[in-house]
N, C-alpha and C. Protein backbone atom coordinates (compact mmCIF):
# COMPACT_ATOMS: atom_id res chain seq x y z
N MET A 1 122.83 246.52 26.87
CA MET A 1 123.16 247.55 25.92
C MET A 1 124.54 247.28 25.31
N MET A 2 125.42 246.66 26.07
CA MET A 2 126.77 246.44 25.56
C MET A 2 126.78 245.47 24.38
N TRP A 3 125.83 244.52 24.34
CA TRP A 3 125.79 243.61 23.21
C TRP A 3 125.51 244.37 21.92
N LEU A 4 124.71 245.42 22.01
CA LEU A 4 124.39 246.22 20.83
C LEU A 4 125.61 247.01 20.38
N ALA A 5 126.33 247.59 21.33
CA ALA A 5 127.51 248.39 20.98
C ALA A 5 128.59 247.53 20.33
N GLY A 6 128.59 246.24 20.62
CA GLY A 6 129.59 245.34 20.06
C GLY A 6 129.29 244.88 18.64
N ARG A 7 128.11 245.18 18.15
CA ARG A 7 127.74 244.76 16.79
C ARG A 7 128.41 245.64 15.74
N ALA A 8 128.54 245.10 14.57
CA ALA A 8 129.16 245.85 13.47
C ALA A 8 128.30 247.06 13.11
N ASN A 9 128.94 248.15 12.79
CA ASN A 9 128.29 249.39 12.36
C ASN A 9 127.40 250.04 13.43
N VAL A 10 127.59 249.69 14.70
CA VAL A 10 126.83 250.33 15.78
C VAL A 10 127.83 250.95 16.74
N THR A 11 127.82 252.25 16.81
CA THR A 11 128.73 252.95 17.71
C THR A 11 128.14 252.96 19.13
N PRO A 12 128.97 253.15 20.14
CA PRO A 12 128.43 253.26 21.49
C PRO A 12 127.39 254.37 21.62
N CYS A 13 127.58 255.46 20.89
CA CYS A 13 126.63 256.57 20.92
C CYS A 13 125.27 256.13 20.38
N ARG A 14 125.26 255.39 19.28
CA ARG A 14 124.00 254.90 18.73
C ARG A 14 123.35 253.88 19.65
N ALA A 15 124.15 253.06 20.29
CA ALA A 15 123.61 252.07 21.23
C ALA A 15 122.92 252.77 22.40
N ARG A 16 123.55 253.82 22.93
CA ARG A 16 122.93 254.59 24.02
C ARG A 16 121.64 255.24 23.56
N ALA A 17 121.64 255.80 22.36
CA ALA A 17 120.45 256.46 21.83
C ALA A 17 119.31 255.46 21.68
N TRP A 18 119.60 254.27 21.18
CA TRP A 18 118.58 253.23 21.03
C TRP A 18 118.03 252.83 22.39
N TYR A 19 118.91 252.61 23.35
CA TYR A 19 118.49 252.19 24.69
C TYR A 19 117.61 253.27 25.34
N THR A 20 118.01 254.52 25.20
CA THR A 20 117.24 255.62 25.77
C THR A 20 115.85 255.67 25.13
N HIS A 21 115.79 255.50 23.83
CA HIS A 21 114.52 255.52 23.11
C HIS A 21 113.60 254.40 23.61
N VAL A 22 114.13 253.21 23.76
CA VAL A 22 113.34 252.07 24.20
C VAL A 22 112.88 252.25 25.65
N MET A 23 113.75 252.71 26.52
CA MET A 23 113.42 252.84 27.94
C MET A 23 112.46 253.99 28.21
N THR A 24 112.39 254.97 27.33
CA THR A 24 111.52 256.11 27.54
C THR A 24 110.06 255.68 27.72
N GLU A 25 109.60 254.75 26.91
CA GLU A 25 108.21 254.30 27.01
C GLU A 25 107.94 253.64 28.35
N SER A 26 108.87 252.83 28.83
CA SER A 26 108.71 252.17 30.11
C SER A 26 108.65 253.19 31.25
N VAL A 27 109.53 254.15 31.20
CA VAL A 27 109.56 255.18 32.25
C VAL A 27 108.28 256.01 32.22
N LYS A 28 107.80 256.35 31.02
CA LYS A 28 106.57 257.13 30.91
C LYS A 28 105.39 256.38 31.50
N ARG A 29 105.31 255.06 31.25
CA ARG A 29 104.21 254.27 31.80
C ARG A 29 104.26 254.24 33.32
N ARG A 30 105.46 254.03 33.87
CA ARG A 30 105.60 253.98 35.33
C ARG A 30 105.25 255.34 35.96
N LEU A 31 105.71 256.40 35.35
CA LEU A 31 105.43 257.74 35.86
C LEU A 31 103.94 258.03 35.81
N ASN A 32 103.30 257.67 34.71
CA ASN A 32 101.87 257.89 34.57
C ASN A 32 101.10 257.12 35.64
N THR A 33 101.52 255.90 35.93
CA THR A 33 100.87 255.10 36.97
C THR A 33 100.98 255.78 38.32
N VAL A 34 102.14 256.30 38.64
CA VAL A 34 102.35 256.99 39.91
C VAL A 34 101.46 258.23 39.98
N VAL A 35 101.39 258.98 38.91
CA VAL A 35 100.58 260.20 38.88
C VAL A 35 99.10 259.86 39.10
N VAL A 36 98.62 258.83 38.44
CA VAL A 36 97.22 258.43 38.59
C VAL A 36 96.94 257.98 40.02
N LEU A 37 97.83 257.19 40.60
CA LEU A 37 97.64 256.73 41.98
C LEU A 37 97.62 257.91 42.95
N LYS A 38 98.49 258.88 42.74
CA LYS A 38 98.52 260.08 43.60
C LYS A 38 97.21 260.87 43.48
N LYS A 39 96.72 261.02 42.25
CA LYS A 39 95.47 261.75 42.04
C LYS A 39 94.31 261.04 42.72
N GLU A 40 94.26 259.72 42.61
CA GLU A 40 93.19 258.96 43.24
C GLU A 40 93.27 259.08 44.76
N ALA A 41 94.47 258.99 45.30
CA ALA A 41 94.64 259.10 46.75
C ALA A 41 94.24 260.49 47.22
N SER A 42 94.57 261.49 46.45
CA SER A 42 94.21 262.86 46.80
C SER A 42 92.70 263.05 46.76
N ALA A 43 92.04 262.48 45.76
CA ALA A 43 90.59 262.59 45.65
C ALA A 43 89.90 261.91 46.82
N VAL A 44 90.41 260.76 47.22
CA VAL A 44 89.83 260.04 48.36
C VAL A 44 90.03 260.84 49.64
N ALA A 45 91.21 261.42 49.81
CA ALA A 45 91.49 262.21 51.01
C ALA A 45 90.58 263.44 51.08
N ARG A 46 90.33 264.08 49.94
CA ARG A 46 89.48 265.26 49.92
C ARG A 46 88.00 264.91 50.18
N SER A 47 87.60 263.72 49.73
CA SER A 47 86.19 263.36 49.90
C SER A 47 85.91 262.81 51.29
N GLY A 48 86.95 262.44 52.02
CA GLY A 48 86.79 261.92 53.37
C GLY A 48 86.45 260.45 53.41
N CYS A 49 86.47 259.80 52.26
CA CYS A 49 86.18 258.36 52.22
C CYS A 49 87.43 257.57 52.55
N SER A 50 87.22 256.39 53.12
CA SER A 50 88.37 255.54 53.44
C SER A 50 88.73 254.64 52.27
N GLY A 51 87.85 254.55 51.27
CA GLY A 51 88.13 253.73 50.11
C GLY A 51 87.81 252.27 50.34
N GLN A 52 87.15 251.95 51.44
CA GLN A 52 86.84 250.54 51.73
C GLN A 52 85.37 250.27 51.56
């Protein structure tokens, strides 16, 4: 992120905003994966299956 802040016409505030915008998609994907895995584990536990 610091390389961006060092560029002409890019303030540290704008660099942070850009980084946050870019990282949001990555975080959303990871969070969604965790939620799906939890739901699947919960469904398996409720059904009594071992999943094997």
